[in-house]
Amino acid sequence: MEGVKYANCLIAKQIADMETVFRLFMYLLPFALSIAAYIWVGRKAFQVKNKIAKTIALIILAAGLGYTLYKMGSSIGGAFTNENFEFMIMVINVFVLFFTSIAITLGEPEKMDEKSKTGNQ
């Protein structure tokens, strides 16, 4: 009988450990995706030749990354007690990356196809 109690206690501990892993994963997922997206777009921003567009894109990225790190740092205490998924950081991430991509696009030279160069249509 004591072996059954021990097994039940062990199973309960494993379930609690899996819940901790799940909560940690769900806490880190939106922030990790945001930071990965900022790094990817940041690499693209550094390749822009227009200095004004590069500067605007990097300022927008720095602001978005700063906000993401601020939210991550301020909500770390509630990582294991908060049931909510941090979806708002993903929405803000989409807007920041959208405006950064616009700034990057404005800095890229316009590419013309062969018909436009020769004037034939």
C-alpha atoms as a PDB file:
ATOM      1  CA  MET A   1       0.000   0.000   0.000  1.00  0.00           C
ATOM      2  CA  GLU A   2       2.857   2.336   0.774  1.00  0.00           C
ATOM      3  CA  GLY A   3       4.303   1.708  -2.680  1.00  0.00           C
ATOM      4  CA  VAL A   4       1.070   2.940  -4.264  1.00  0.00           C
ATOM      5  CA  LYS A   5       1.189   6.145  -2.212  1.00  0.00           C
ATOM      6  CA  TYR A   6       4.791   6.686  -3.265  1.00  0.00           C
ATOM      7  CA  ALA A   7       3.908   6.114  -6.937  1.00  0.00           C
ATOM      8  CA  ASN A   8       0.982   8.539  -6.721  1.00  0.00           C
ATOM      9  CA  CYS A   9       3.220  11.135  -5.098  1.00  0.00           C
ATOM     10  CA  LEU A  10       5.843  10.619  -7.787  1.00  0.00           C
ATOM     11  CA  ILE A  11       3.269  10.991 -10.569  1.00  0.00           C
ATOM     12  CA  ALA A  12       1.894  14.157  -8.953  1.00  0.00           C
ATOM     13  CA  LYS A  13       5.412  15.589  -8.772  1.00  0.00           C
ATOM     14  CA  GLN A  14       6.034  14.791 -12.452  1.00  0.00           C
ATOM     15  CA  ILE A  15       2.770  16.475 -13.424  1.00  0.00           C
ATOM     16  CA  ALA A  16       3.736  19.549 -11.406  1.00  0.00           C
ATOM     17  CA  ASP A  17       7.139  19.575 -13.107  1.00  0.00           C
ATOM     18  CA  MET A  18       5.518  19.347 -16.549  1.00  0.00           C
ATOM     19  CA  GLU A  19       3.212  22.237 -15.645  1.00  0.00           C
ATOM     20  CA  THR A  20       6.254  24.288 -14.682  1.00  0.00           C
ATOM     21  CA  VAL A  21       7.934  23.486 -18.001  1.00  0.00           C
ATOM     22  CA  PHE A  22       4.738  24.369 -19.881  1.00  0.00           C
ATOM     23  CA  ARG A  23       4.343  27.682 -18.036  1.00  0.00           C
ATOM     24  CA  LEU A  24       7.981  28.573 -18.681  1.00  0.00           C
ATOM     25  CA  PHE A  25       7.619  27.707 -22.365  1.00  0.00           C
ATOM     26  CA  MET A  26       4.411  29.724 -22.732  1.00  0.00           C
ATOM     27  CA  TYR A  27       6.036  32.663 -20.940  1.00  0.00           C
ATOM     28  CA  LEU A  28       9.176  32.674 -23.071  1.00  0.00           C
ATOM     29  CA  LEU A  29       7.617  31.864 -26.464  1.00  0.00           C
ATOM     30  CA  PRO A  30       6.264  35.314 -27.432  1.00  0.00           C
ATOM     31  CA  PHE A  31       9.377  37.084 -26.212  1.00  0.00           C
ATOM     32  CA  ALA A  32      11.706  34.644 -27.967  1.00  0.00           C
ATOM     33  CA  LEU A  33       9.784  34.993 -31.240  1.00  0.00           C
ATOM     34  CA  SER A  34       9.863  38.782 -30.945  1.00  0.00           C
ATOM     35  CA  ILE A  35      13.588  38.936 -30.270  1.00  0.00           C
ATOM     36  CA  ALA A  36      14.314  36.506 -33.121  1.00  0.00           C
ATOM     37  CA  ALA A  37      12.256  38.653 -35.494  1.00  0.00           C
ATOM     38  CA  TYR A  38      14.062  41.806 -34.354  1.00  0.00           C
ATOM     39  CA  ILE A  39      17.441  40.172 -34.983  1.00  0.00           C
ATOM     40  CA  TRP A  40      16.373  38.985 -38.451  1.00  0.00           C
ATOM     41  CA  VAL A  41      14.989  42.376 -39.518  1.00  0.00           C
ATOM     42  CA  GLY A  42      17.937  44.130 -37.862  1.00  0.00           C
ATOM     43  CA  ARG A  43      20.336  42.230 -40.101  1.00  0.00           C
ATOM     44  CA  LYS A  44      18.311  43.379 -43.110  1.00  0.00           C
ATOM     45  CA  ALA A  45      18.357  46.965 -41.814  1.00  0.00           C
ATOM     46  CA  PHE A  46      22.152  46.978 -41.581  1.00  0.00           C
ATOM     47  CA  GLN A  47      22.366  46.095 -45.279  1.00  0.00           C
ATOM     48  CA  VAL A  48      20.425  49.190 -46.412  1.00  0.00           C
ATOM     49  CA  LYS A  49      22.647  51.640 -48.275  1.00  0.00           C
ATOM     50  CA  ASN A  50      20.571  54.767 -47.586  1.00  0.00           C
ATOM     51  CA  LYS A  51      21.783  56.116 -44.237  1.00  0.00           C
ATOM     52  CA  ILE A  52      18.567  57.950 -43.360  1.00  0.00           C
ATOM     53  CA  ALA A  53      16.408  54.868 -43.979  1.00  0.00           C
ATOM     54  CA  LYS A  54      18.894  52.716 -42.067  1.00  0.00           C
ATOM     55  CA  THR A  55      18.828  55.102 -39.113  1.00  0.00           C
ATOM     56  CA  ILE A  56      15.022  55.263 -39.027  1.00  0.00           C
ATOM     57  CA  ALA A  57      14.740  51.469 -39.264  1.00  0.00           C
ATOM     58  CA  LEU A  58      17.287  50.910 -36.501  1.00  0.00           C
ATOM     59  CA  ILE A  59      15.607  53.462 -34.212  1.00  0.00           C
ATOM     60  CA  ILE A  60      12.230  51.759 -34.668  1.00  0.00           C
ATOM     61  CA  LEU A  61      13.845  48.359 -34.046  1.00  0.00           C
ATOM     62  CA  ALA A  62      15.642  49.600 -30.936  1.00  0.00           C
ATOM     63  CA  ALA A  63      12.394  50.993 -29.543  1.00  0.00           C
ATOM     64  CA  GLY A  64      10.563  47.721 -30.209  1.00  0.00           C
ATOM     65  CA  LEU A  65      13.350  45.625 -28.725  1.00  0.00           C
ATOM     66  CA  GLY A  66      13.529  47.905 -25.694  1.00  0.00           C
ATOM     67  CA  TYR A  67       9.784  47.572 -25.126  1.00  0.00           C
ATOM     68  CA  THR A  68       9.967  43.792 -25.490  1.00  0.00           C
ATOM     69  CA  LEU A  69      12.795  43.539 -22.970  1.00  0.00           C
ATOM     70  CA  TYR A  70      10.966  45.908 -20.610  1.00  0.00           C
ATOM     71  CA  LYS A  71       7.791  43.788 -20.748  1.00  0.00           C
ATOM     72  CA  MET A  72       9.796  40.617 -20.279  1.00  0.00           C
ATOM     73  CA  GLY A  73      11.596  42.033 -17.251  1.00  0.00           C
ATOM     74  CA  SER A  74       8.506  43.523 -15.657  1.00  0.00           C
ATOM     75  CA  SER A  75       6.376  40.391 -16.041  1.00  0.00           C
ATOM     76  CA  ILE A  76       8.968  37.832 -14.973  1.00  0.00           C
ATOM     77  CA  GLY A  77       7.569  37.712 -11.437  1.00  0.00           C
ATOM     78  CA  GLY A  78       4.183  36.543 -12.690  1.00  0.00           C
ATOM     79  CA  ALA A  79       5.515  33.937 -15.087  1.00  0.00           C
ATOM     80  CA  PHE A  80       4.320  31.048 -12.935  1.00  0.00           C
ATOM     81  CA  THR A  81       1.155  32.624 -11.571  1.00  0.00           C
ATOM     82  CA  ASN A  82      -0.256  34.390 -14.642  1.00  0.00           C
ATOM     83  CA  GLU A  83      -2.464  32.242 -16.861  1.00  0.00           C
ATOM     84  CA  ASN A  84      -2.548  34.735 -19.731  1.00  0.00           C
ATOM     85  CA  PHE A  85      -0.519  34.357 -22.893  1.00  0.00           C
ATOM     86  CA  GLU A  86       1.379  37.553 -23.715  1.00  0.00           C
ATOM     87  CA  PHE A  87      -0.311  38.066 -27.071  1.00  0.00           C
ATOM     88  CA  MET A  88      -0.112  41.864 -26.911  1.00  0.00           C
ATOM     89  CA  ILE A  89       3.658  41.750 -27.339  1.00  0.00           C
ATOM     90  CA  MET A  90       3.099  39.844 -30.580  1.00  0.00           C
ATOM     91  CA  VAL A  91       0.658  42.505 -31.859  1.00  0.00           C
ATOM     92  CA  ILE A  92       3.114  45.285 -31.043  1.00  0.00           C
ATOM     93  CA  ASN A  93       5.872  43.216 -32.645  1.00  0.00           C
ATOM     94  CA  VAL A  94       3.901  43.021 -35.919  1.00  0.00           C
ATOM     95  CA  PHE A  95       3.416  46.799 -35.998  1.00  0.00           C
ATOM     96  CA  VAL A  96       7.071  47.546 -35.203  1.00  0.00           C
ATOM     97  CA  LEU A  97       8.313  45.127 -37.844  1.00  0.00           C
ATOM     98  CA  PHE A  98       5.817  46.497 -40.378  1.00  0.00           C
ATOM     99  CA  PHE A  99       7.033  50.074 -39.963  1.00  0.00           C
ATOM    100  CA  THR A 100      10.661  48.941 -39.913  1.00  0.00           C
ATOM    101  CA  SER A 101      10.118  47.091 -43.189  1.00  0.00           C
ATOM    102  CA  ILE A 102       8.607  50.223 -44.717  1.00  0.00           C
ATOM    103  CA  ALA A 103      11.677  52.218 -43.666  1.00  0.00           C
ATOM    104  CA  ILE A 104      13.962  49.561 -45.131  1.00  0.00           C
ATOM    105  CA  THR A 105      11.988  49.504 -48.387  1.00  0.00           C
ATOM    106  CA  LEU A 106      12.189  53.272 -48.735  1.00  0.00           C
ATOM    107  CA  GLY A 107      15.962  53.019 -48.514  1.00  0.00           C
ATOM    108  CA  GLU A 108      16.316  50.438 -51.256  1.00  0.00           C
ATOM    109  CA  PRO A 109      16.868  51.650 -54.819  1.00  0.00           C
ATOM    110  CA  GLU A 110      14.033  50.986 -57.224  1.00  0.00           C
ATOM    111  CA  LYS A 111      14.690  48.077 -59.566  1.00  0.00           C
ATOM    112  CA  MET A 112      13.642  48.499 -63.161  1.00  0.00           C
ATOM    113  CA  ASP A 113      12.998  45.677 -65.561  1.00  0.00           C
ATOM    114  CA  GLU A 114      14.420  45.487 -69.088  1.00  0.00           C
ATOM    115  CA  LYS A 115      11.316  46.875 -70.822  1.00  0.00           C
ATOM    116  CA  SER A 116      11.300  49.992 -68.654  1.00  0.00           C
ATOM    117  CA  LYS A 117      14.953  50.724 -69.410  1.00  0.00           C
ATOM    118  CA  THR A 118      14.571  50.636 -73.178  1.00  0.00           C
ATOM    119  CA  GLY A 119      11.231  52.425 -73.276  1.00  0.00           C
ATOM    120  CA  ASN A 120       9.488  49.577 -75.114  1.00  0.00           C
ATOM    121  CA  GLN A 121       6.151  48.479 -73.803  1.00  0.00           C
END
